[in-house]
C-alpha cells in the first residue's frame, strides 16, 4: 500500500522519482485530455508544477497551485528547480552524452543553485564562469545551459529577462587550465608495439588506432557489419560531430588484424570486445587494457588513448599528406567552401594517402 495520502480527483499527483535527488518528489497537474480514438481511451496531459525535498512540501505547493494556478512560484522558483523541470522535459529526446554534459555543466553552478531564478543577475552567472576553473569547451556548455534555462523560463512566463546574453567566455578561449598535453608515440615506441603485436590482441588494437586515427569511442563502438574488407575501409556511423560520420581507409599493415578480429567473438556485434566478449566501455578500455598493455611491454611514457590519434595526424602531416585529406580521414570539419571538393574523395586516394606512413 502506498504511504502517500490519496488525493482528490483532478487535484494532481505526487510521485517519488528514483535515484538520489535533492528534490525527489515531483508534482504534476492535469492540464487537458486527449482522445485516443484508435484505442478508445482518454489520455491525460500533465504539466510539472515542481520538485520538492519532502512529500509534505510537495503537497503544500500543490495546494498553493490550486489557489493561484497561473502564477505558481514564478517569484521563488530556484535555478536548481528550473534545471530539474527543464531537464525533465528535454532529456527524453537527448543523447546520453548530451545529458551527461548538461549534468556536468549544472554541477558547476553550485553557487546559484538555490537562488530564485528571477533574481539572478548576469554578474552571478559570470562569476560561475570566472571561478569554475573549467576549460573552454565546458564553459561553452555551461553558457548554453544558461540560455536553455532562460528559454524555458520565457516559455513558461517566469521571466523573459535573459541575463545569459551578457555573459562573456571569450577571454578563456585560449586559456585551458585542464588542458591535457598530448604525448605522441615515438618511432621507437611504434616499433616496440610491432614487436609485441603477435603476442597480445590489445597491442594490435593500439596499432589499429595509430594507423587509422580513429577516436577510441569510435573504435569501441565499431560493429562488424560496418567493416568492408574487400573495399578496404570501415564506416563510422556514430560520432560527436557531423564530420565524424565517415569511411576510414584500412592501412595495409593492419588489414590482417581486421580479418582476425572479425572472426572472433561470433556472438558479439562489435568487432573489438573485452576478453570475455563484452562491449568495451571507456574506463575499462583505458585502464584495464590500454594502460596495462603499455605497462606490460615496458612503455615508460604516460600515454592516453587519444595520443594515438594525435600521433596519426602528426605522421600524416610529416609525410606531406594534404591537410584536407587528413581531416577527411580523421573526421575533422573543414574550414572553407573549398572543402566541399573533398566531400566525396575516391577511396583509392584515401588508401594511397594513409599507406604513406
Protein backbone atom coordinates (compact mmCIF):
# COMPACT_ATOMS: atom_id res chain seq x y z
CA UNK A 1 0.00 0.00 0.00
CA UNK A 2 1.26 3.46 -0.86
CA UNK A 3 2.31 5.61 2.10
CA UNK A 4 1.01 8.71 0.29
CA UNK A 5 -2.44 10.05 1.07
CA UNK A 6 -4.93 9.60 -1.74
CA UNK A 7 -5.60 12.98 -3.34
CA UNK A 8 -8.98 14.19 -4.59
CA UNK A 9 -9.88 13.53 -8.23
CA UNK A 10 -8.37 16.06 -10.67
CA UNK A 11 -6.29 17.55 -7.85
CA UNK A 12 -2.97 16.37 -9.32
CA UNK A 13 -0.46 13.75 -8.29
CA UNK A 14 2.73 13.46 -6.28
CA UNK A 15 5.32 10.81 -7.11
CA UNK A 16 8.74 9.99 -5.76
CA UNK A 17 11.36 9.78 -8.54
CA UNK A 18 14.07 7.07 -8.37
CA UNK A 19 17.72 7.68 -7.59
CA UNK A 20 19.48 10.20 -5.37
CA UNK A 21 17.97 13.63 -5.93
CA UNK A 22 17.90 16.86 -3.98
CA UNK A 23 14.19 17.17 -4.67
CA UNK A 24 12.80 13.71 -5.40
CA UNK A 25 9.07 14.48 -5.08
CA UNK A 26 7.50 15.55 -8.37
CA UNK A 27 4.17 17.34 -8.52
CA UNK A 28 2.08 17.23 -11.69
CA UNK A 29 -1.35 18.53 -12.60
CA UNK A 30 -3.62 17.58 -15.45
CA UNK A 31 -3.85 20.39 -17.99
CA UNK A 32 -6.02 18.67 -20.54
CA UNK A 33 -7.16 15.44 -22.08
CA UNK A 34 -6.67 13.82 -25.49
CA UNK A 35 -8.99 11.24 -27.01
CA UNK A 36 -7.18 8.17 -28.35
CA UNK A 37 -9.76 7.11 -30.92
CA UNK A 38 -7.91 4.00 -32.05
CA UNK A 39 -7.66 2.54 -28.55
CA UNK A 40 -10.92 4.09 -27.33
CA UNK A 41 -9.44 5.77 -24.28
CA UNK A 42 -8.77 9.20 -22.86
CA UNK A 43 -5.16 10.25 -22.28
CA UNK A 44 -4.44 12.84 -19.59
CA UNK A 45 -1.87 15.53 -20.40
CA UNK A 46 0.21 16.54 -17.40
CA UNK A 47 2.31 19.56 -16.58
CA UNK A 48 5.05 19.50 -13.95
CA UNK A 49 4.43 22.00 -11.15
CA UNK A 50 7.73 21.44 -9.36
CA UNK A 51 10.15 19.18 -7.49
CA UNK A 52 10.41 19.16 -3.69
CA UNK A 53 12.55 17.59 -0.93
CA UNK A 54 9.67 16.05 1.03
CA UNK A 55 6.15 14.81 0.39
CA UNK A 56 4.80 17.45 2.76
CA UNK A 57 6.47 20.25 0.76
CA UNK A 58 5.10 18.80 -2.45
CA UNK A 59 1.56 18.63 -1.04
CA UNK A 60 1.77 22.19 0.27
CA UNK A 61 2.84 23.54 -3.14
CA UNK A 62 0.20 21.51 -4.94
CA UNK A 63 -2.39 23.05 -2.63
CA UNK A 64 -0.99 26.52 -3.32
CA UNK A 65 -1.14 25.83 -7.04
CA UNK A 66 -4.89 25.35 -6.88
CA UNK A 67 -5.20 28.67 -5.06
CA UNK A 68 -3.08 30.53 -7.67
CA UNK A 69 -2.74 28.27 -10.71
CA UNK A 70 -1.44 30.95 -13.08
CA UNK A 71 1.44 32.39 -11.07
CA UNK A 72 2.81 29.26 -9.45
CA UNK A 73 6.08 30.07 -7.64
CA UNK A 74 7.43 32.17 -10.53
CA UNK A 75 8.93 34.56 -8.00
CA UNK A 76 10.55 31.89 -5.83
CA UNK A 77 11.46 29.04 -8.16
CA UNK A 78 15.21 28.47 -7.89
CA UNK A 79 17.87 27.90 -10.52
CA UNK A 80 18.08 24.27 -9.44
CA UNK A 81 14.32 23.77 -9.71
CA UNK A 82 14.26 25.34 -13.17
CA UNK A 83 17.01 22.93 -14.21
CA UNK A 84 15.03 19.96 -12.89
CA UNK A 85 11.86 20.99 -14.73
CA UNK A 86 13.74 21.77 -17.94
CA UNK A 87 15.71 18.52 -17.88
CA UNK A 88 12.55 16.52 -17.16
CA UNK A 89 11.14 17.82 -20.45
CA UNK A 90 14.32 17.94 -22.53
CA UNK A 91 16.24 14.80 -21.56
CA UNK A 92 13.91 12.15 -23.06
CA UNK A 93 14.82 13.39 -26.56
CA UNK A 94 18.55 13.89 -25.85
CA UNK A 95 21.51 11.59 -26.40
CA UNK A 96 23.24 10.06 -23.38
CA UNK A 97 26.40 12.10 -23.99
CA UNK A 98 24.43 15.35 -24.17
CA UNK A 99 22.65 14.55 -20.92
CA UNK A 100 25.97 13.84 -19.23
CA UNK A 101 27.48 17.09 -20.43
CA UNK A 102 24.48 19.15 -19.24
CA UNK A 103 24.60 17.42 -15.86
CA UNK A 104 28.30 18.24 -15.64
CA UNK A 105 27.56 21.86 -16.57
CA UNK A 106 24.89 22.07 -13.86
CA UNK A 107 27.36 20.85 -11.23
CA UNK A 108 29.50 23.91 -11.98
CA UNK A 109 26.59 26.16 -10.94
CA UNK A 110 26.56 25.29 -7.24
CA UNK A 111 26.80 28.91 -6.09
CA UNK A 112 23.46 29.81 -7.70
CA UNK A 113 21.55 26.53 -7.41
CA UNK A 114 19.32 27.78 -4.58
CA UNK A 115 18.95 31.34 -5.85
CA UNK A 116 15.47 32.43 -7.03
CA UNK A 117 15.83 32.37 -10.79
CA UNK A 118 14.23 35.75 -11.43
CA UNK A 119 16.66 37.41 -9.01
CA UNK A 120 19.82 36.11 -10.68
CA UNK A 121 21.87 38.80 -12.44
CA UNK A 122 24.48 38.36 -15.09
CA UNK A 123 27.29 39.14 -12.60
CA UNK A 124 26.38 35.95 -10.74
CA UNK A 125 26.37 33.93 -13.94
CA UNK A 126 29.68 35.48 -14.94
CA UNK A 127 31.09 34.58 -11.53
CA UNK A 128 30.17 30.95 -12.13
CA UNK A 129 32.25 31.10 -15.30
CA UNK A 130 35.15 33.04 -13.79
CA UNK A 131 35.58 30.84 -10.72
CA UNK A 132 34.89 27.42 -12.24
CA UNK A 133 38.43 26.61 -13.35
CA UNK A 134 36.94 24.67 -16.27
CA UNK A 135 38.23 24.52 -19.82
CA UNK A 136 36.71 26.43 -22.71
CA UNK A 137 34.55 23.59 -24.14
CA UNK A 138 32.99 23.05 -20.71
CA UNK A 139 32.38 26.78 -20.28
CA UNK A 140 30.56 26.83 -23.63
CA UNK A 141 28.28 24.07 -22.36
CA UNK A 142 27.62 25.98 -19.13
CA UNK A 143 26.73 29.10 -21.12
CA UNK A 144 24.50 27.06 -23.41
CA UNK A 145 22.76 25.66 -20.33
CA UNK A 146 22.12 29.21 -19.11
CA UNK A 147 20.47 30.08 -22.41
CA UNK A 148 18.38 26.89 -22.46
CA UNK A 149 17.05 27.60 -18.96
CA UNK A 150 16.18 31.19 -19.82
CA UNK A 151 14.39 29.99 -22.94
CA UNK A 152 12.39 27.54 -20.84
CA UNK A 153 11.55 30.30 -18.34
CA UNK A 154 10.38 32.55 -21.14
CA UNK A 155 8.10 29.82 -22.47
CA UNK A 156 6.64 29.29 -19.02
CA UNK A 157 6.23 33.03 -18.30
CA UNK A 158 8.66 33.01 -15.38
CA UNK A 159 10.96 35.64 -16.88
CA UNK A 160 11.92 36.94 -20.32
CA UNK A 161 14.94 38.85 -19.00
CA UNK A 162 17.77 36.72 -20.38
CA UNK A 163 20.78 37.62 -18.26
CA UNK A 164 22.87 34.96 -20.02
CA UNK A 165 23.19 37.21 -23.07
CA UNK A 166 25.67 39.38 -21.14
CA UNK A 167 27.96 36.52 -20.02
CA UNK A 168 31.36 36.56 -21.73
CA UNK A 169 33.57 33.47 -22.06
CA UNK A 170 35.78 34.71 -24.91
CA UNK A 171 38.66 35.52 -22.58
CA UNK A 172 39.01 31.81 -21.79
CA UNK A 173 39.19 30.59 -25.37
CA UNK A 174 42.98 30.21 -25.34
CA UNK A 175 43.29 29.53 -21.62
CA UNK A 176 42.57 25.95 -20.74
CA UNK A 177 43.53 25.16 -17.11
CA UNK A 178 42.64 21.47 -17.59
CA UNK A 179 44.24 21.05 -21.00
CA UNK A 180 45.95 17.71 -21.44
CA UNK A 181 49.27 17.94 -23.24
CA UNK A 182 49.26 15.29 -25.93
CA UNK A 183 52.13 12.85 -25.82
CA UNK A 184 52.65 11.38 -29.31
CA UNK A 185 54.16 7.93 -29.73
CA UNK A 186 57.76 7.98 -30.93
CA UNK A 187 59.03 5.88 -33.85
CA UNK A 188 60.86 3.62 -31.39
CA UNK A 189 57.67 3.09 -29.40
CA UNK A 190 55.72 2.19 -32.54
CA UNK A 191 58.48 -0.30 -33.46
CA UNK A 192 58.17 -1.80 -29.98
CA UNK A 193 54.43 -2.24 -30.46
CA UNK A 194 55.04 -4.10 -33.73
CA UNK A 195 57.50 -6.43 -31.98
CA UNK A 196 54.81 -7.33 -29.41
CA UNK A 197 51.90 -7.44 -31.85
CA UNK A 198 51.91 -11.23 -32.30
CA UNK A 199 51.63 -11.85 -28.56
CA UNK A 200 48.78 -9.53 -27.49
CA UNK A 201 45.50 -8.65 -29.19
CA UNK A 202 45.31 -5.29 -27.45
CA UNK A 203 48.68 -4.28 -28.86
CA UNK A 204 47.05 -4.87 -32.24
CA UNK A 205 44.17 -2.60 -31.28
CA UNK A 206 46.61 0.18 -30.32
CA UNK A 207 48.34 -0.24 -33.70
CA UNK A 208 44.97 -0.04 -35.46
CA UNK A 209 44.37 3.29 -33.71
CA UNK A 210 47.85 4.52 -34.64
CA UNK A 211 47.30 3.65 -38.31
CA UNK A 212 43.73 4.91 -38.68
CA UNK A 213 43.42 7.97 -36.42
CA UNK A 214 40.04 6.90 -35.02
CA UNK A 215 38.80 8.14 -31.68
CA UNK A 216 38.75 5.44 -29.04
CA UNK A 217 34.96 5.77 -28.68
CA UNK A 218 34.53 5.24 -32.42
CA UNK A 219 36.72 2.14 -32.24
CA UNK A 220 34.89 0.70 -29.22
CA UNK A 221 31.51 1.15 -30.94
CA UNK A 222 32.61 -0.20 -34.34
CA UNK A 223 30.29 -3.01 -35.45
CA UNK A 224 31.28 -5.94 -37.64
CA UNK A 225 28.68 -5.01 -40.23
CA UNK A 226 30.44 -1.68 -40.78
CA UNK A 227 33.77 -3.24 -41.78
CA UNK A 228 34.23 -3.73 -45.55
CA UNK A 229 37.38 -5.77 -46.11
CA UNK A 230 37.11 -6.09 -49.89
CA UNK A 231 36.76 -2.35 -50.33
CA UNK A 232 39.40 -1.78 -47.61
CA UNK A 233 37.51 0.62 -45.35
CA UNK A 234 35.29 0.74 -42.28
CA UNK A 235 32.39 3.10 -41.60
CA UNK A 236 31.96 5.32 -38.57
CA UNK A 237 28.19 5.70 -38.27
CA UNK A 238 28.03 7.49 -34.91
CA UNK A 239 30.19 10.42 -33.91
CA UNK A 240 30.07 13.54 -31.75
CA UNK A 241 30.21 15.75 -34.88
CA UNK A 242 28.65 15.51 -38.37
CA UNK A 243 32.15 15.46 -39.90
CA UNK A 244 32.87 12.36 -37.80
CA UNK A 245 30.43 10.28 -39.86
CA UNK A 246 32.82 8.92 -42.49
CA UNK A 247 34.54 5.99 -44.19
CA UNK A 248 38.05 5.30 -42.90
CA UNK A 249 40.57 3.52 -45.17
CA UNK A 250 42.30 0.44 -43.76
CA UNK A 251 46.09 0.67 -43.87
CA UNK A 252 47.92 -2.28 -45.48
CA UNK A 253 49.74 -3.12 -42.25
CA UNK A 254 46.57 -3.57 -40.16
CA UNK A 255 44.32 -5.27 -42.72
CA UNK A 256 45.07 -8.76 -41.37
CA UNK A 257 44.17 -7.58 -37.86
CA UNK A 258 40.67 -6.65 -39.03
CA UNK A 259 40.34 -10.09 -40.60
CA UNK A 260 41.36 -11.74 -37.34
CA UNK A 261 39.00 -9.70 -35.12
CA UNK A 262 36.06 -10.20 -37.46
CA UNK A 263 36.29 -13.95 -36.92
CA UNK A 264 36.40 -13.76 -33.12
CA UNK A 265 33.62 -13.38 -30.55
CA UNK A 266 30.99 -14.51 -33.03
CA UNK A 267 28.23 -13.76 -30.52
CA UNK A 268 29.08 -10.05 -30.36
CA UNK A 269 28.02 -7.45 -32.90
CA UNK A 270 31.11 -5.40 -32.05
CA UNK A 271 34.45 -6.18 -33.66
CA UNK A 272 36.57 -5.22 -30.63
CA UNK A 273 35.48 -6.51 -27.23
CA UNK A 274 36.72 -7.37 -23.76
CA UNK A 275 38.48 -10.68 -23.21
CA UNK A 276 35.11 -12.26 -22.35
CA UNK A 277 33.37 -10.87 -25.42
CA UNK A 278 31.61 -7.88 -23.84
CA UNK A 279 31.32 -4.37 -25.24
CA UNK A 280 34.31 -2.20 -24.33
CA UNK A 281 33.45 0.76 -22.10
CA UNK A 282 35.56 3.90 -21.83
CA UNK A 283 37.01 3.27 -18.38
CA UNK A 284 37.85 -0.40 -18.81
CA UNK A 285 39.36 0.16 -22.25
CA UNK A 286 41.60 2.94 -20.96
CA UNK A 287 42.54 1.50 -17.56
CA UNK A 288 42.22 -2.26 -17.88
CA UNK A 289 43.58 -2.64 -21.41
CA UNK A 290 45.33 0.35 -22.96
CA UNK A 291 47.39 1.44 -19.94
CA UNK A 292 48.12 -2.09 -18.71
CA UNK A 293 49.25 -3.28 -22.13
CA UNK A 294 51.71 -0.41 -22.48
CA UNK A 295 52.99 -1.06 -18.98
CA UNK A 296 53.38 -4.76 -19.75
CA UNK A 297 55.60 -4.12 -22.77
CA UNK A 298 57.69 -1.57 -20.92
CA UNK A 299 56.44 1.75 -22.27
CA UNK A 300 57.82 4.43 -19.96
CA UNK A 301 55.74 7.40 -21.18
CA UNK A 302 52.27 8.06 -19.78
CA UNK A 303 50.21 7.67 -22.94
CA UNK A 304 46.44 8.11 -23.22
CA UNK A 305 44.23 6.61 -25.97
CA UNK A 306 43.86 10.00 -27.72
CA UNK A 307 47.64 10.13 -28.17
CA UNK A 308 47.24 7.59 -30.96
CA UNK A 309 45.02 9.98 -32.91
CA UNK A 310 47.43 12.86 -32.33
CA UNK A 311 50.31 10.64 -33.48
CA UNK A 312 48.46 9.62 -36.65
CA UNK A 313 47.73 13.22 -37.64
CA UNK A 314 51.33 14.26 -36.94
CA UNK A 315 52.78 11.40 -39.00
CA UNK A 316 50.43 12.06 -41.92
CA UNK A 317 51.49 15.72 -41.86
CA UNK A 318 55.18 14.79 -41.73
CA UNK A 319 54.94 12.70 -44.92
CA UNK A 320 53.21 15.54 -46.77
CA UNK A 321 49.60 14.38 -46.96
CA UNK A 322 47.24 17.25 -47.83
CA UNK A 323 45.66 18.63 -44.66
CA UNK A 324 42.18 18.43 -46.19
CA UNK A 325 42.60 14.70 -46.83
CA UNK A 326 43.83 14.19 -43.26
CA UNK A 327 40.71 15.94 -41.96
CA UNK A 328 38.57 13.76 -44.19
CA UNK A 329 40.11 10.58 -42.74
CA UNK A 330 40.01 11.59 -39.08
CA UNK A 331 36.62 13.35 -39.23
CA UNK A 332 37.56 16.96 -38.61
CA UNK A 333 35.29 19.67 -40.01
CA UNK A 334 36.63 21.73 -42.91
CA UNK A 335 37.25 25.45 -42.65
CA UNK A 336 36.24 26.77 -46.04
CA UNK A 337 34.00 26.36 -49.07
CA UNK A 338 36.76 24.57 -50.97
CA UNK A 339 36.36 21.68 -48.53
CA UNK A 340 33.26 20.66 -50.48
CA UNK A 341 35.54 19.37 -53.20
CA UNK A 342 36.84 16.80 -50.72
CA UNK A 343 33.46 15.53 -49.55
CA UNK A 344 33.39 12.54 -51.92
CA UNK A 345 37.04 11.61 -52.36
CA UNK A 346 37.61 8.26 -54.02
CA UNK A 347 38.64 5.60 -51.51
CA UNK A 348 41.73 4.75 -53.56
CA UNK A 349 43.05 8.28 -52.92
CA UNK A 350 42.49 7.89 -49.17
CA UNK A 351 44.17 4.47 -49.20
CA UNK A 352 47.15 5.89 -51.06
CA UNK A 353 47.43 8.71 -48.52
CA UNK A 354 47.16 6.52 -45.44
CA UNK A 355 49.73 4.00 -46.72
CA UNK A 356 52.36 6.71 -46.85
CA UNK A 357 53.00 6.31 -43.13
